[in-house]
């Protein structure tokens, strides 16, 4: 896959851990965030190529919000939106994004990050 920097935004620790492990094994540099505010701070401090963001997060910012805000500053940023209980409509999705339903397989995650 190559040395992309991926920010994993997931509030459920086990899902975050397994997602990070898959991406590290695929050769990615990985940052982890549990909330939207934490994710935005990382995005201001680091060069990130891809954000993998769960839709439902604690706090006021959803993964969709984070993706849209991040792309205002970095229009080429790729966003992979994930959820186990809802499928966002096209108009809800950040530009240049893809949706990945949970539970997903490691190869599906890698393909979404690489696409």
C-alpha atoms as a PDB file:
ATOM      1  CA  UNK A   1       0.000   0.000   0.000  1.00  0.00           C
ATOM      2  CA  UNK A   2       2.824   2.420   0.666  1.00  0.00           C
ATOM      3  CA  UNK A   3       3.739   4.818   3.427  1.00  0.00           C
ATOM      4  CA  UNK A   4       0.579   6.877   3.636  1.00  0.00           C
ATOM      5  CA  UNK A   5      -0.293   8.657   6.842  1.00  0.00           C
ATOM      6  CA  UNK A   6      -3.759   7.655   8.003  1.00  0.00           C
ATOM      7  CA  UNK A   7      -5.728   9.177  10.868  1.00  0.00           C
ATOM      8  CA  UNK A   8      -8.125   6.647  12.406  1.00  0.00           C
ATOM      9  CA  UNK A   9     -11.041   8.401  14.114  1.00  0.00           C
ATOM     10  CA  UNK A  10     -12.957   5.798  16.111  1.00  0.00           C
ATOM     11  CA  UNK A  11     -14.382   5.993  19.632  1.00  0.00           C
ATOM     12  CA  UNK A  12     -14.656   2.226  20.196  1.00  0.00           C
ATOM     13  CA  UNK A  13     -11.236   1.112  21.434  1.00  0.00           C
ATOM     14  CA  UNK A  14     -11.287  -2.454  20.043  1.00  0.00           C
ATOM     15  CA  UNK A  15     -12.373  -1.337  16.591  1.00  0.00           C
ATOM     16  CA  UNK A  16      -9.778   1.445  16.627  1.00  0.00           C
ATOM     17  CA  UNK A  17      -7.056  -0.979  17.712  1.00  0.00           C
ATOM     18  CA  UNK A  18      -7.880  -3.548  15.017  1.00  0.00           C
ATOM     19  CA  UNK A  19      -8.122  -0.860  12.325  1.00  0.00           C
ATOM     20  CA  UNK A  20      -4.745   0.579  13.343  1.00  0.00           C
ATOM     21  CA  UNK A  21      -3.162  -2.901  13.312  1.00  0.00           C
ATOM     22  CA  UNK A  22      -4.422  -3.638   9.792  1.00  0.00           C
ATOM     23  CA  UNK A  23      -3.106  -0.325   8.479  1.00  0.00           C
ATOM     24  CA  UNK A  24       0.294  -0.680  10.163  1.00  0.00           C
ATOM     25  CA  UNK A  25       0.676  -4.161   8.664  1.00  0.00           C
ATOM     26  CA  UNK A  26      -0.188  -2.626   5.269  1.00  0.00           C
ATOM     27  CA  UNK A  27       2.719  -0.185   5.661  1.00  0.00           C
ATOM     28  CA  UNK A  28       0.850   2.956   6.714  1.00  0.00           C
ATOM     29  CA  UNK A  29       1.884   5.502   9.305  1.00  0.00           C
ATOM     30  CA  UNK A  30      -1.103   5.722  11.642  1.00  0.00           C
ATOM     31  CA  UNK A  31      -2.432   8.338  14.042  1.00  0.00           C
ATOM     32  CA  UNK A  32      -5.369   7.613  16.367  1.00  0.00           C
ATOM     33  CA  UNK A  33      -8.149   9.851  17.649  1.00  0.00           C
ATOM     34  CA  UNK A  34     -11.200   9.112  19.778  1.00  0.00           C
ATOM     35  CA  UNK A  35     -13.135  12.374  19.277  1.00  0.00           C
ATOM     36  CA  UNK A  36     -13.667  14.882  16.515  1.00  0.00           C
ATOM     37  CA  UNK A  37     -11.872  17.627  18.436  1.00  0.00           C
ATOM     38  CA  UNK A  38      -8.847  15.370  18.936  1.00  0.00           C
ATOM     39  CA  UNK A  39      -8.862  14.472  15.237  1.00  0.00           C
ATOM     40  CA  UNK A  40      -8.931  18.109  14.128  1.00  0.00           C
ATOM     41  CA  UNK A  41      -5.971  18.862  16.409  1.00  0.00           C
ATOM     42  CA  UNK A  42      -3.982  16.041  14.780  1.00  0.00           C
ATOM     43  CA  UNK A  43      -4.923  17.313  11.334  1.00  0.00           C
ATOM     44  CA  UNK A  44      -3.523  20.747  12.196  1.00  0.00           C
ATOM     45  CA  UNK A  45      -0.277  19.248  13.512  1.00  0.00           C
ATOM     46  CA  UNK A  46       0.439  16.472  10.987  1.00  0.00           C
ATOM     47  CA  UNK A  47       0.411  15.850   7.265  1.00  0.00           C
ATOM     48  CA  UNK A  48      -2.359  13.287   6.816  1.00  0.00           C
ATOM     49  CA  UNK A  49      -3.242  11.597   3.523  1.00  0.00           C
ATOM     50  CA  UNK A  50      -6.388   9.722   4.564  1.00  0.00           C
ATOM     51  CA  UNK A  51      -8.886   9.956   7.416  1.00  0.00           C
ATOM     52  CA  UNK A  52     -10.830   6.828   8.384  1.00  0.00           C
ATOM     53  CA  UNK A  53     -13.743   8.230  10.414  1.00  0.00           C
ATOM     54  CA  UNK A  54     -16.629   6.565  12.201  1.00  0.00           C
ATOM     55  CA  UNK A  55     -19.885   8.497  11.766  1.00  0.00           C
ATOM     56  CA  UNK A  56     -21.025   8.356  15.395  1.00  0.00           C
ATOM     57  CA  UNK A  57     -18.632   9.906  17.887  1.00  0.00           C
ATOM     58  CA  UNK A  58     -18.914  11.367  21.375  1.00  0.00           C
ATOM     59  CA  UNK A  59     -19.239  15.148  21.481  1.00  0.00           C
ATOM     60  CA  UNK A  60     -20.669  17.600  18.990  1.00  0.00           C
ATOM     61  CA  UNK A  61     -18.619  16.581  15.921  1.00  0.00           C
ATOM     62  CA  UNK A  62     -19.452  13.489  13.891  1.00  0.00           C
ATOM     63  CA  UNK A  63     -17.007  11.757  11.580  1.00  0.00           C
ATOM     64  CA  UNK A  64     -18.843  13.397   8.690  1.00  0.00           C
ATOM     65  CA  UNK A  65     -18.300  16.826  10.264  1.00  0.00           C
ATOM     66  CA  UNK A  66     -14.597  16.147  10.763  1.00  0.00           C
ATOM     67  CA  UNK A  67     -14.204  14.992   7.170  1.00  0.00           C
ATOM     68  CA  UNK A  68     -15.880  18.105   5.805  1.00  0.00           C
ATOM     69  CA  UNK A  69     -13.950  20.496   8.072  1.00  0.00           C
ATOM     70  CA  UNK A  70     -10.644  18.797   7.266  1.00  0.00           C
ATOM     71  CA  UNK A  71     -11.286  19.054   3.549  1.00  0.00           C
ATOM     72  CA  UNK A  72     -11.876  22.802   3.801  1.00  0.00           C
ATOM     73  CA  UNK A  73      -8.198  23.144   4.703  1.00  0.00           C
ATOM     74  CA  UNK A  74      -7.006  20.230   2.546  1.00  0.00           C
ATOM     75  CA  UNK A  75      -9.296  19.677  -0.447  1.00  0.00           C
ATOM     76  CA  UNK A  76      -7.311  16.633  -1.643  1.00  0.00           C
ATOM     77  CA  UNK A  77      -7.633  14.809   1.682  1.00  0.00           C
ATOM     78  CA  UNK A  78      -9.316  11.453   1.249  1.00  0.00           C
ATOM     79  CA  UNK A  79     -11.968  10.429   3.774  1.00  0.00           C
ATOM     80  CA  UNK A  80     -13.202   6.888   4.425  1.00  0.00           C
ATOM     81  CA  UNK A  81     -16.455   7.075   6.384  1.00  0.00           C
ATOM     82  CA  UNK A  82     -17.442   4.016   8.429  1.00  0.00           C
ATOM     83  CA  UNK A  83     -20.566   3.001  10.323  1.00  0.00           C
ATOM     84  CA  UNK A  84     -22.202  -0.135  11.573  1.00  0.00           C
ATOM     85  CA  UNK A  85     -25.712   1.255  11.882  1.00  0.00           C
ATOM     86  CA  UNK A  86     -26.293   3.853   9.182  1.00  0.00           C
ATOM     87  CA  UNK A  87     -25.462   4.630   5.583  1.00  0.00           C
ATOM     88  CA  UNK A  88     -25.034   8.373   5.003  1.00  0.00           C
ATOM     89  CA  UNK A  89     -26.687   9.844   1.939  1.00  0.00           C
ATOM     90  CA  UNK A  90     -24.449  11.231  -0.783  1.00  0.00           C
ATOM     91  CA  UNK A  91     -25.130  14.829   0.240  1.00  0.00           C
ATOM     92  CA  UNK A  92     -24.055  14.054   3.827  1.00  0.00           C
ATOM     93  CA  UNK A  93     -20.693  12.650   2.752  1.00  0.00           C
ATOM     94  CA  UNK A  94     -17.571  14.791   2.487  1.00  0.00           C
ATOM     95  CA  UNK A  95     -16.320  15.322  -1.090  1.00  0.00           C
ATOM     96  CA  UNK A  96     -13.733  12.785  -2.265  1.00  0.00           C
ATOM     97  CA  UNK A  97     -14.955  10.238   0.263  1.00  0.00           C
ATOM     98  CA  UNK A  98     -16.066   6.619   0.289  1.00  0.00           C
ATOM     99  CA  UNK A  99     -18.319   4.694   2.660  1.00  0.00           C
ATOM    100  CA  UNK A 100     -17.267   1.431   4.303  1.00  0.00           C
ATOM    101  CA  UNK A 101     -19.910  -0.499   6.252  1.00  0.00           C
ATOM    102  CA  UNK A 102     -18.941  -2.203   9.517  1.00  0.00           C
ATOM    103  CA  UNK A 103     -17.987  -4.886  10.062  1.00  0.00           C
ATOM    104  CA  UNK A 104     -15.448  -4.703   7.276  1.00  0.00           C
ATOM    105  CA  UNK A 105     -12.656  -7.087   6.361  1.00  0.00           C
ATOM    106  CA  UNK A 106      -8.988  -6.023   6.402  1.00  0.00           C
ATOM    107  CA  UNK A 107      -8.733  -6.180   2.600  1.00  0.00           C
ATOM    108  CA  UNK A 108     -11.814  -3.929   2.269  1.00  0.00           C
ATOM    109  CA  UNK A 109     -10.253  -1.346   4.580  1.00  0.00           C
ATOM    110  CA  UNK A 110      -6.969  -1.398   2.681  1.00  0.00           C
ATOM    111  CA  UNK A 111      -8.768  -1.073  -0.666  1.00  0.00           C
ATOM    112  CA  UNK A 112     -10.807   1.898   0.601  1.00  0.00           C
ATOM    113  CA  UNK A 113      -7.683   3.655   1.935  1.00  0.00           C
ATOM    114  CA  UNK A 114      -5.772   3.016  -1.269  1.00  0.00           C
ATOM    115  CA  UNK A 115      -8.566   3.896  -3.757  1.00  0.00           C
END
